[in-house]
C-alpha atoms as a PDB file:
ATOM      1  CA  MET A   1     146.435 157.541  65.711  1.00  0.00           C
ATOM      2  CA  THR A   2     144.076 157.279  68.664  1.00  0.00           C
ATOM      3  CA  SER A   3     143.610 160.312  70.867  1.00  0.00           C
ATOM      4  CA  THR A   4     144.446 159.925  74.539  1.00  0.00           C
ATOM      5  CA  LEU A   5     142.122 162.797  75.460  1.00  0.00           C
ATOM      6  CA  PRO A   6     138.860 161.982  77.213  1.00  0.00           C
ATOM      7  CA  PRO A   7     135.964 161.990  74.723  1.00  0.00           C
ATOM      8  CA  TYR A   8     134.349 165.081  76.259  1.00  0.00           C
ATOM      9  CA  VAL A   9     137.610 167.075  75.893  1.00  0.00           C
ATOM     10  CA  ARG A  10     138.165 165.920  72.316  1.00  0.00           C
ATOM     11  CA  LEU A  11     134.585 166.730  71.352  1.00  0.00           C
ATOM     12  CA  ALA A  12     134.597 170.131  73.089  1.00  0.00           C
ATOM     13  CA  ASN A  13     137.816 171.025  71.256  1.00  0.00           C
ATOM     14  CA  GLU A  14     136.320 169.923  67.921  1.00  0.00           C
ATOM     15  CA  ILE A  15     133.229 172.054  68.536  1.00  0.00           C
ATOM     16  CA  ALA A  16     135.402 175.052  69.473  1.00  0.00           C
ATOM     17  CA  VAL A  17     137.177 174.801  66.107  1.00  0.00           C
ATOM     18  CA  GLN A  18     133.801 175.125  64.366  1.00  0.00           C
ATOM     19  CA  PHE A  19     133.186 178.444  66.137  1.00  0.00           C
ATOM     20  CA  ALA A  20     136.712 179.862  65.774  1.00  0.00           C
ATOM     21  CA  HIS A  21     135.456 182.500  63.305  1.00  0.00           C
ATOM     22  CA  ARG A  22     133.307 184.115  66.019  1.00  0.00           C
ATOM     23  CA  PRO A  23     134.446 186.379  68.853  1.00  0.00           C
ATOM     24  CA  PRO A  24     135.418 184.202  71.855  1.00  0.00           C
ATOM     25  CA  ALA A  25     132.547 185.296  74.118  1.00  0.00           C
ATOM     26  CA  ASP A  26     129.958 184.668  71.381  1.00  0.00           C
ATOM     27  CA  ALA A  27     131.560 181.351  70.471  1.00  0.00           C
ATOM     28  CA  ALA A  28     131.565 180.210  74.100  1.00  0.00           C
ATOM     29  CA  THR A  29     127.876 181.042  74.495  1.00  0.00           C
ATOM     30  CA  ALA A  30     126.983 179.174  71.302  1.00  0.00           C
ATOM     31  CA  ILE A  31     129.044 176.175  72.379  1.00  0.00           C
ATOM     32  CA  ALA A  32     127.485 176.152  75.855  1.00  0.00           C
ATOM     33  CA  ASN A  33     124.006 176.293  74.313  1.00  0.00           C
ATOM     34  CA  HIS A  34     124.866 173.390  72.011  1.00  0.00           C
ATOM     35  CA  MET A  35     126.228 171.329  74.892  1.00  0.00           C
ATOM     36  CA  LYS A  36     123.180 172.102  77.033  1.00  0.00           C
ATOM     37  CA  ALA A  37     120.846 170.929  74.274  1.00  0.00           C
ATOM     38  CA  ALA A  38     122.760 167.985  72.829  1.00  0.00           C
ATOM     39  CA  TRP A  39     125.194 166.519  75.326  1.00  0.00           C
ATOM     40  CA  ASP A  40     124.467 163.730  77.774  1.00  0.00           C
ATOM     41  CA  PRO A  41     124.372 165.051  81.360  1.00  0.00           C
ATOM     42  CA  ARG A  42     127.308 162.793  82.292  1.00  0.00           C
ATOM     43  CA  MET A  43     129.489 164.357  79.602  1.00  0.00           C
ATOM     44  CA  LYS A  44     128.517 167.849  80.739  1.00  0.00           C
ATOM     45  CA  ARG A  45     129.374 167.021  84.344  1.00  0.00           C
ATOM     46  CA  ALA A  46     132.698 165.478  83.313  1.00  0.00           C
ATOM     47  CA  LEU A  47     133.651 168.514  81.228  1.00  0.00           C
ATOM     48  CA  ILE A  48     132.725 170.921  84.023  1.00  0.00           C
ATOM     49  CA  ALA A  49     134.775 168.864  86.501  1.00  0.00           C
ATOM     50  CA  HIS A  50     137.684 168.854  84.043  1.00  0.00           C
ATOM     51  CA  VAL A  51     137.579 172.654  83.841  1.00  0.00           C
ATOM     52  CA  GLN A  52     137.370 172.970  87.618  1.00  0.00           C
ATOM     53  CA  ALA A  53     140.454 170.736  87.855  1.00  0.00           C
ATOM     54  CA  GLY A  54     142.487 172.970  85.547  1.00  0.00           C
ATOM     55  CA  ALA A  55     141.183 172.329  82.010  1.00  0.00           C
ATOM     56  CA  GLU A  56     144.283 170.533  80.762  1.00  0.00           C
ATOM     57  CA  ASN A  57     144.370 170.162  76.942  1.00  0.00           C
ATOM     58  CA  LEU A  58     141.087 172.039  76.542  1.00  0.00           C
ATOM     59  CA  ASP A  59     140.608 174.891  74.086  1.00  0.00           C
ATOM     60  CA  PRO A  60     140.206 178.152  76.050  1.00  0.00           C
ATOM     61  CA  VAL A  61     136.883 178.927  74.362  1.00  0.00           C
ATOM     62  CA  ALA A  62     135.613 175.435  75.175  1.00  0.00           C
ATOM     63  CA  ALA A  63     136.702 175.998  78.782  1.00  0.00           C
ATOM     64  CA  LEU A  64     134.759 179.257  78.867  1.00  0.00           C
ATOM     65  CA  ALA A  65     131.745 177.444  77.424  1.00  0.00           C
ATOM     66  CA  ALA A  66     131.989 174.828  80.171  1.00  0.00           C
ATOM     67  CA  GLN A  67     132.107 177.571  82.794  1.00  0.00           C
ATOM     68  CA  GLN A  68     128.952 179.069  81.303  1.00  0.00           C
ATOM     69  CA  LEU A  69     127.349 175.640  81.182  1.00  0.00           C
ATOM     70  CA  ALA A  70     128.045 175.193  84.887  1.00  0.00           C
ATOM     71  CA  THR A  71     126.012 178.296  85.694  1.00  0.00           C
ATOM     72  CA  GLN A  72     123.023 177.529  83.430  1.00  0.00           C
END
C-alpha cells in the first residue's frame, strides 16, 4: 500500500520511531540535528511549513524537532 503522506512527513515519522526510546525533548533535539545535517533544504522548509500549518499526521516528537529546526 502506498502512503498518501508527503515524503517529508513519512520520513520524519519514521525517524521519530527510531528515537521513541528516548525522552521526547532529547529525541526531538537528536531528530532536529539529524535533519539539519542530512535533509535537503527543500524538505526542511516543507516540514517546517507543515508544522506551522497544523502538523497533520505528524508524530508529536517530529513536530517538536521541526520547531527546533526552524530556530536553528
